[in-house]
Structure formats: C-alpha cells, structure tokens
Amino acid sequence: MKEEYDLFQMKSRKNPYASKLKTPVTIRLSEHVVGYFKEMAEGTGVPYQSLINLYLRDCVHQHRTVDISWPKRD
C-alpha cells in the first residue's frame, strides 16, 4: 500500500442511486399536523420531515388503508 495517495488525481462520480432514494413532492398539510410532527421532532432530535416519512413508510409496510366514513346524521 502506498504511504501517500494523490486524491486530486481521482475522478469523482455521482451516486447512481441518489435520485431513486427519495422523490421531492409538494404537499399541503394542516398547521396542526405539521405542529404535531415538529413538536415530536424537538423531543426526538429527528427532523420533522423525516418523521412524517417514517410514519408514511410504516403505513405502507402495514398495508393500512384510510377509512373515510362519516357518521350518519339523524
């Protein structure tokens, strides 16, 4: 092994998987929801956007579905 390497001679290359890791999206969330995750982020030290992603990923993993049923009015 060489004692010293010339790193300036190396050619850099982009990570081929970087674009597949996450997709940027614009989503409108209520202030209450964002506040909830921001508060949780302060307690855990994890960025709130990462917490939202973790929660949604868990929903996908658990195959959760949304039940949008409104109570009947009498």
PDB file of N, CA and C in Angstrom:
ATOM      1  N   MET A   1       0.849  -1.171   0.000  1.00  0.00           N
ATOM      2  CA  MET A   1       0.000   0.000   0.000  1.00  0.00           C
ATOM      3  C   MET A   1       0.895   1.235   0.000  1.00  0.00           C
ATOM      4  N   LYS A   2       0.487   2.246  -0.741  1.00  0.00           N
ATOM      5  CA  LYS A   2       1.267   3.476  -0.791  1.00  0.00           C
ATOM      6  C   LYS A   2       1.190   4.211   0.532  1.00  0.00           C
ATOM      7  N   GLU A   3       2.214   4.939   0.822  1.00  0.00           N
ATOM      8  CA  GLU A   3       2.199   5.768   2.030  1.00  0.00           C
ATOM      9  C   GLU A   3       1.338   6.999   1.835  1.00  0.00           C
ATOM     10  N   GLU A   4       1.269   7.458   0.600  1.00  0.00           N
ATOM     11  CA  GLU A   4       0.521   8.678   0.327  1.00  0.00           C
ATOM     12  C   GLU A   4      -0.204   8.538  -1.006  1.00  0.00           C
ATOM     13  N   TYR A   5      -1.437   8.962  -1.033  1.00  0.00           N
ATOM     14  CA  TYR A   5      -2.241   8.924  -2.256  1.00  0.00           C
ATOM     15  C   TYR A   5      -2.556  10.344  -2.694  1.00  0.00           C
ATOM     16  N   ASP A   6      -2.576  10.550  -4.002  1.00  0.00           N
ATOM     17  CA  ASP A   6      -2.923  11.857  -4.550  1.00  0.00           C
ATOM     18  C   ASP A   6      -4.411  11.833  -4.903  1.00  0.00           C
ATOM     19  N   LEU A   7      -5.238  12.342  -3.981  1.00  0.00           N
ATOM     20  CA  LEU A   7      -6.677  12.304  -4.173  1.00  0.00           C
ATOM     21  C   LEU A   7      -7.158  13.277  -5.256  1.00  0.00           C
ATOM     22  N   PHE A   8      -6.336  14.247  -5.607  1.00  0.00           N
ATOM     23  CA  PHE A   8      -6.702  15.198  -6.649  1.00  0.00           C
ATOM     24  C   PHE A   8      -6.690  14.541  -8.030  1.00  0.00           C
ATOM     25  N   GLN A   9      -6.024  13.415  -8.156  1.00  0.00           N
ATOM     26  CA  GLN A   9      -5.970  12.690  -9.425  1.00  0.00           C
ATOM     27  C   GLN A   9      -7.230  11.836  -9.645  1.00  0.00           C
ATOM     28  N   MET A  10      -7.963  11.608  -8.571  1.00  0.00           N
ATOM     29  CA  MET A  10      -9.141  10.751  -8.672  1.00  0.00           C
ATOM     30  C   MET A  10     -10.286  11.480  -9.366  1.00  0.00           C
ATOM     31  N   LYS A  11     -11.036  10.739 -10.149  1.00  0.00           N
ATOM     32  CA  LYS A  11     -12.207  11.300 -10.803  1.00  0.00           C
ATOM     33  C   LYS A  11     -13.425  11.022  -9.927  1.00  0.00           C
ATOM     34  N   SER A  12     -14.216  12.052  -9.698  1.00  0.00           N
ATOM     35  CA  SER A  12     -15.421  11.859  -8.887  1.00  0.00           C
ATOM     36  C   SER A  12     -16.555  11.381  -9.780  1.00  0.00           C
ATOM     37  N   ARG A  13     -17.491  10.694  -9.177  1.00  0.00           N
ATOM     38  CA  ARG A  13     -18.672  10.270  -9.905  1.00  0.00           C
ATOM     39  C   ARG A  13     -19.869  10.355  -8.975  1.00  0.00           C
ATOM     40  N   LYS A  14     -21.005  10.602  -9.569  1.00  0.00           N
ATOM     41  CA  LYS A  14     -22.234  10.749  -8.805  1.00  0.00           C
ATOM     42  C   LYS A  14     -22.754   9.382  -8.382  1.00  0.00           C
ATOM     43  N   ASN A  15     -23.474   9.392  -7.269  1.00  0.00           N
ATOM     44  CA  ASN A  15     -24.114   8.178  -6.785  1.00  0.00           C
ATOM     45  C   ASN A  15     -25.253   7.823  -7.740  1.00  0.00           C
ATOM     46  N   PRO A  16     -25.213   6.664  -8.398  1.00  0.00           N
ATOM     47  CA  PRO A  16     -26.265   6.318  -9.360  1.00  0.00           C
ATOM     48  C   PRO A  16     -27.624   6.060  -8.703  1.00  0.00           C
ATOM     49  N   TYR A  17     -27.644   5.839  -7.405  1.00  0.00           N
ATOM     50  CA  TYR A  17     -28.888   5.547  -6.703  1.00  0.00           C
ATOM     51  C   TYR A  17     -29.478   6.766  -6.001  1.00  0.00           C
ATOM     52  N   ALA A  18     -28.772   7.881  -6.012  1.00  0.00           N
ATOM     53  CA  ALA A  18     -29.207   9.056  -5.269  1.00  0.00           C
ATOM     54  C   ALA A  18     -30.579   9.550  -5.717  1.00  0.00           C
ATOM     55  N   SER A  19     -30.861   9.538  -6.986  1.00  0.00           N
ATOM     56  CA  SER A  19     -32.141  10.036  -7.471  1.00  0.00           C
ATOM     57  C   SER A  19     -33.290   9.089  -7.124  1.00  0.00           C
ATOM     58  N   LYS A  20     -32.988   7.850  -6.810  1.00  0.00           N
ATOM     59  CA  LYS A  20     -34.017   6.866  -6.506  1.00  0.00           C
ATOM     60  C   LYS A  20     -34.323   6.785  -5.012  1.00  0.00           C
ATOM     61  N   LEU A  21     -33.569   7.482  -4.197  1.00  0.00           N
ATOM     62  CA  LEU A  21     -33.757   7.380  -2.760  1.00  0.00           C
ATOM     63  C   LEU A  21     -35.045   8.037  -2.306  1.00  0.00           C
ATOM     64  N   LYS A  22     -35.269   9.265  -2.715  1.00  0.00           N
ATOM     65  CA  LYS A  22     -36.471   9.999  -2.316  1.00  0.00           C
ATOM     66  C   LYS A  22     -36.933  10.880  -3.465  1.00  0.00           C
ATOM     67  N   THR A  23     -38.217  11.108  -3.502  1.00  0.00           N
ATOM     68  CA  THR A  23     -38.808  11.957  -4.525  1.00  0.00           C
ATOM     69  C   THR A  23     -39.338  13.221  -3.863  1.00  0.00           C
ATOM     70  N   PRO A  24     -38.881  14.383  -4.292  1.00  0.00           N
ATOM     71  CA  PRO A  24     -39.412  15.614  -3.700  1.00  0.00           C
ATOM     72  C   PRO A  24     -40.853  15.836  -4.158  1.00  0.00           C
ATOM     73  N   VAL A  25     -41.718  16.177  -3.196  1.00  0.00           N
ATOM     74  CA  VAL A  25     -43.119  16.447  -3.507  1.00  0.00           C
ATOM     75  C   VAL A  25     -43.559  17.709  -2.774  1.00  0.00           C
ATOM     76  N   THR A  26     -44.604  18.310  -3.290  1.00  0.00           N
ATOM     77  CA  THR A  26     -45.233  19.426  -2.603  1.00  0.00           C
ATOM     78  C   THR A  26     -46.556  18.902  -2.072  1.00  0.00           C
ATOM     79  N   ILE A  27     -46.758  19.067  -0.782  1.00  0.00           N
ATOM     80  CA  ILE A  27     -47.971  18.557  -0.155  1.00  0.00           C
ATOM     81  C   ILE A  27     -48.481  19.605   0.828  1.00  0.00           C
ATOM     82  N   ARG A  28     -49.775  19.774   0.880  1.00  0.00           N
ATOM     83  CA  ARG A  28     -50.374  20.752   1.774  1.00  0.00           C
ATOM     84  C   ARG A  28     -50.897  20.015   3.004  1.00  0.00           C
ATOM     85  N   LEU A  29     -50.325  20.344   4.159  1.00  0.00           N
ATOM     86  CA  LEU A  29     -50.733  19.729   5.421  1.00  0.00           C
ATOM     87  C   LEU A  29     -51.277  20.818   6.336  1.00  0.00           C
ATOM     88  N   SER A  30     -52.181  20.444   7.211  1.00  0.00           N
ATOM     89  CA  SER A  30     -52.719  21.429   8.139  1.00  0.00           C
ATOM     90  C   SER A  30     -51.644  21.841   9.144  1.00  0.00           C
ATOM     91  N   GLU A  31     -51.799  23.030   9.686  1.00  0.00           N
ATOM     92  CA  GLU A  31     -50.835  23.538  10.670  1.00  0.00           C
ATOM     93  C   GLU A  31     -50.770  22.617  11.876  1.00  0.00           C
ATOM     94  N   HIS A  32     -51.909  22.047  12.246  1.00  0.00           N
ATOM     95  CA  HIS A  32     -51.954  21.152  13.397  1.00  0.00           C
ATOM     96  C   HIS A  32     -51.074  19.918  13.170  1.00  0.00           C
ATOM     97  N   VAL A  33     -51.146  19.352  11.977  1.00  0.00           N
ATOM     98  CA  VAL A  33     -50.365  18.152  11.654  1.00  0.00           C
ATOM     99  C   VAL A  33     -48.874  18.483  11.652  1.00  0.00           C
ATOM    100  N   VAL A  34     -48.506  19.574  10.995  1.00  0.00           N
ATOM    101  CA  VAL A  34     -47.091  19.969  10.949  1.00  0.00           C
ATOM    102  C   VAL A  34     -46.593  20.278  12.358  1.00  0.00           C
ATOM    103  N   GLY A  35     -47.401  20.972  13.134  1.00  0.00           N
ATOM    104  CA  GLY A  35     -47.023  21.293  14.516  1.00  0.00           C
ATOM    105  C   GLY A  35     -46.808  20.047  15.349  1.00  0.00           C
ATOM    106  N   TYR A  36     -47.657  19.056  15.156  1.00  0.00           N
ATOM    107  CA  TYR A  36     -47.535  17.790  15.878  1.00  0.00           C
ATOM    108  C   TYR A  36     -46.185  17.132  15.601  1.00  0.00           C
ATOM    109  N   PHE A  37     -45.831  17.054  14.324  1.00  0.00           N
ATOM    110  CA  PHE A  37     -44.569  16.408  13.961  1.00  0.00           C
ATOM    111  C   PHE A  37     -43.367  17.270  14.342  1.00  0.00           C
ATOM    112  N   LYS A  38     -43.498  18.589  14.288  1.00  0.00           N
ATOM    113  CA  LYS A  38     -42.396  19.458  14.711  1.00  0.00           C
ATOM    114  C   LYS A  38     -42.145  19.310  16.209  1.00  0.00           C
ATOM    115  N   GLU A  39     -43.214  19.202  16.985  1.00  0.00           N
ATOM    116  CA  GLU A  39     -43.077  19.003  18.431  1.00  0.00           C
ATOM    117  C   GLU A  39     -42.409  17.664  18.726  1.00  0.00           C
ATOM    118  N   MET A  40     -42.827  16.644  17.997  1.00  0.00           N
ATOM    119  CA  MET A  40     -42.218  15.329  18.159  1.00  0.00           C
ATOM    120  C   MET A  40     -40.743  15.367  17.756  1.00  0.00           C
ATOM    121  N   ALA A  41     -40.429  16.147  16.723  1.00  0.00           N
ATOM    122  CA  ALA A  41     -39.045  16.256  16.246  1.00  0.00           C
ATOM    123  C   ALA A  41     -38.146  16.880  17.302  1.00  0.00           C
ATOM    124  N   GLU A  42     -38.666  17.873  18.019  1.00  0.00           N
ATOM    125  CA  GLU A  42     -37.870  18.500  19.075  1.00  0.00           C
ATOM    126  C   GLU A  42     -37.520  17.499  20.161  1.00  0.00           C
ATOM    127  N   GLY A  43     -38.454  16.626  20.482  1.00  0.00           N
ATOM    128  CA  GLY A  43     -38.217  15.638  21.534  1.00  0.00           C
ATOM    129  C   GLY A  43     -37.309  14.504  21.123  1.00  0.00           C
ATOM    130  N   THR A  44     -37.290  14.193  19.832  1.00  0.00           N
ATOM    131  CA  THR A  44     -36.501  13.048  19.377  1.00  0.00           C
ATOM    132  C   THR A  44     -35.181  13.441  18.735  1.00  0.00           C
ATOM    133  N   GLY A  45     -35.103  14.689  18.250  1.00  0.00           N
ATOM    134  CA  GLY A  45     -33.901  15.110  17.541  1.00  0.00           C
ATOM    135  C   GLY A  45     -33.889  14.685  16.083  1.00  0.00           C
ATOM    136  N   VAL A  46     -35.009  14.138  15.607  1.00  0.00           N
ATOM    137  CA  VAL A  46     -35.138  13.715  14.216  1.00  0.00           C
ATOM    138  C   VAL A  46     -35.917  14.804  13.486  1.00  0.00           C
ATOM    139  N   PRO A  47     -35.472  15.248  12.301  1.00  0.00           N
ATOM    140  CA  PRO A  47     -36.208  16.284  11.568  1.00  0.00           C
ATOM    141  C   PRO A  47     -37.662  15.881  11.325  1.00  0.00           C
ATOM    142  N   TYR A  48     -38.559  16.861  11.409  1.00  0.00           N
ATOM    143  CA  TYR A  48     -39.989  16.551  11.297  1.00  0.00           C
ATOM    144  C   TYR A  48     -40.350  15.934   9.949  1.00  0.00           C
ATOM    145  N   GLN A  49     -39.674  16.340   8.877  1.00  0.00           N
ATOM    146  CA  GLN A  49     -39.964  15.751   7.571  1.00  0.00           C
ATOM    147  C   GLN A  49     -39.591  14.268   7.551  1.00  0.00           C
ATOM    148  N   SER A  50     -38.517  13.919   8.238  1.00  0.00           N
ATOM    149  CA  SER A  50     -38.123  12.510   8.335  1.00  0.00           C
ATOM    150  C   SER A  50     -39.141  11.719   9.145  1.00  0.00           C
ATOM    151  N   LEU A  51     -39.691  12.339  10.198  1.00  0.00           N
ATOM    152  CA  LEU A  51     -40.709  11.658  10.993  1.00  0.00           C
ATOM    153  C   LEU A  51     -41.972  11.398  10.178  1.00  0.00           C
ATOM    154  N   ILE A  52     -42.373  12.386   9.387  1.00  0.00           N
ATOM    155  CA  ILE A  52     -43.541  12.193   8.519  1.00  0.00           C
ATOM    156  C   ILE A  52     -43.267  11.061   7.534  1.00  0.00           C
ATOM    157  N   ASN A  53     -42.079  11.036   6.960  1.00  0.00           N
ATOM    158  CA  ASN A  53     -41.711   9.972   6.024  1.00  0.00           C
ATOM    159  C   ASN A  53     -41.714   8.611   6.719  1.00  0.00           C
ATOM    160  N   LEU A  54     -41.182   8.541   7.924  1.00  0.00           N
ATOM    161  CA  LEU A  54     -41.166   7.281   8.668  1.00  0.00           C
ATOM    162  C   LEU A  54     -42.586   6.795   8.951  1.00  0.00           C
ATOM    163  N   TYR A  55     -43.467   7.724   9.328  1.00  0.00           N
ATOM    164  CA  TYR A  55     -44.848   7.351   9.611  1.00  0.00           C
ATOM    165  C   TYR A  55     -45.538   6.829   8.353  1.00  0.00           C
ATOM    166  N   LEU A  56     -45.365   7.534   7.249  1.00  0.00           N
ATOM    167  CA  LEU A  56     -45.995   7.092   5.999  1.00  0.00           C
ATOM    168  C   LEU A  56     -45.414   5.765   5.521  1.00  0.00           C
ATOM    169  N   ARG A  57     -44.110   5.590   5.703  1.00  0.00           N
ATOM    170  CA  ARG A  57     -43.479   4.320   5.327  1.00  0.00           C
ATOM    171  C   ARG A  57     -44.051   3.172   6.153  1.00  0.00           C
ATOM    172  N   ASP A  58     -44.297   3.432   7.447  1.00  0.00           N
ATOM    173  CA  ASP A  58     -44.898   2.417   8.302  1.00  0.00           C
ATOM    174  C   ASP A  58     -46.309   2.076   7.833  1.00  0.00           C
ATOM    175  N   CYS A  59     -47.061   3.093   7.401  1.00  0.00           N
ATOM    176  CA  CYS A  59     -48.406   2.850   6.862  1.00  0.00           C
ATOM    177  C   CYS A  59     -48.340   1.934   5.642  1.00  0.00           C
ATOM    178  N   VAL A  60     -47.362   2.176   4.786  1.00  0.00           N
ATOM    179  CA  VAL A  60     -47.196   1.332   3.596  1.00  0.00           C
ATOM    180  C   VAL A  60     -46.831  -0.088   4.009  1.00  0.00           C
ATOM    181  N   HIS A  61     -45.892  -0.209   4.943  1.00  0.00           N
ATOM    182  CA  HIS A  61     -45.424  -1.524   5.391  1.00  0.00           C
ATOM    183  C   HIS A  61     -46.557  -2.321   6.037  1.00  0.00           C
ATOM    184  N   GLN A  62     -47.415  -1.642   6.803  1.00  0.00           N
ATOM    185  CA  GLN A  62     -48.523  -2.308   7.492  1.00  0.00           C
ATOM    186  C   GLN A  62     -49.765  -2.462   6.608  1.00  0.00           C
ATOM    187  N   HIS A  63     -49.682  -1.950   5.378  1.00  0.00           N
ATOM    188  CA  HIS A  63     -50.807  -2.004   4.435  1.00  0.00           C
ATOM    189  C   HIS A  63     -52.061  -1.350   5.018  1.00  0.00           C
ATOM    190  N   ARG A  64     -51.866  -0.236   5.686  1.00  0.00           N
ATOM    191  CA  ARG A  64     -53.003   0.481   6.270  1.00  0.00           C
ATOM    192  C   ARG A  64     -53.798   1.169   5.173  1.00  0.00           C
ATOM    193  N   THR A  65     -55.080   1.209   5.374  1.00  0.00           N
ATOM    194  CA  THR A  65     -55.950   1.918   4.441  1.00  0.00           C
ATOM    195  C   THR A  65     -56.710   2.988   5.203  1.00  0.00           C
ATOM    196  N   VAL A  66     -57.159   3.966   4.487  1.00  0.00           N
ATOM    197  CA  VAL A  66     -57.886   5.073   5.093  1.00  0.00           C
ATOM    198  C   VAL A  66     -59.367   4.721   5.116  1.00  0.00           C
ATOM    199  N   ASP A  67     -59.977   4.922   6.264  1.00  0.00           N
ATOM    200  CA  ASP A  67     -61.422   4.708   6.385  1.00  0.00           C
ATOM    201  C   ASP A  67     -62.080   6.071   6.470  1.00  0.00           C
ATOM    202  N   ILE A  68     -62.619   6.509   5.352  1.00  0.00           N
ATOM    203  CA  ILE A  68     -63.288   7.812   5.322  1.00  0.00           C
ATOM    204  C   ILE A  68     -64.777   7.547   5.333  1.00  0.00           C
ATOM    205  N   SER A  69     -65.285   7.378   6.525  1.00  0.00           N
ATOM    206  CA  SER A  69     -66.722   7.175   6.669  1.00  0.00           C
ATOM    207  C   SER A  69     -67.240   8.221   7.632  1.00  0.00           C
ATOM    208  N   TRP A  70     -68.269   8.880   7.223  1.00  0.00           N
ATOM    209  CA  TRP A  70     -68.847   9.964   8.019  1.00  0.00           C
ATOM    210  C   TRP A  70     -70.019   9.413   8.820  1.00  0.00           C
ATOM    211  N   PRO A  71     -70.136   9.831  10.057  1.00  0.00           N
ATOM    212  CA  PRO A  71     -71.289   9.370  10.842  1.00  0.00           C
ATOM    213  C   PRO A  71     -72.593   9.884  10.231  1.00  0.00           C
ATOM    214  N   LYS A  72     -73.619   9.049  10.298  1.00  0.00           N
ATOM    215  CA  LYS A  72     -74.912   9.437   9.764  1.00  0.00           C
ATOM    216  C   LYS A  72     -75.564  10.473  10.681  1.00  0.00           C
ATOM    217  N   ARG A  73     -76.155  11.462  10.069  1.00  0.00           N
ATOM    218  CA  ARG A  73     -76.876  12.484  10.832  1.00  0.00           C
ATOM    219  C   ARG A  73     -78.325  12.064  10.972  1.00  0.00           C
ATOM    220  N   ASP A  74     -78.846  12.267  12.126  1.00  0.00           N
ATOM    221  CA  ASP A  74     -80.262  11.947  12.352  1.00  0.00           C
ATOM    222  C   ASP A  74     -81.152  13.109  12.021  1.00  0.00           C
TER     223      ASP A  74
END
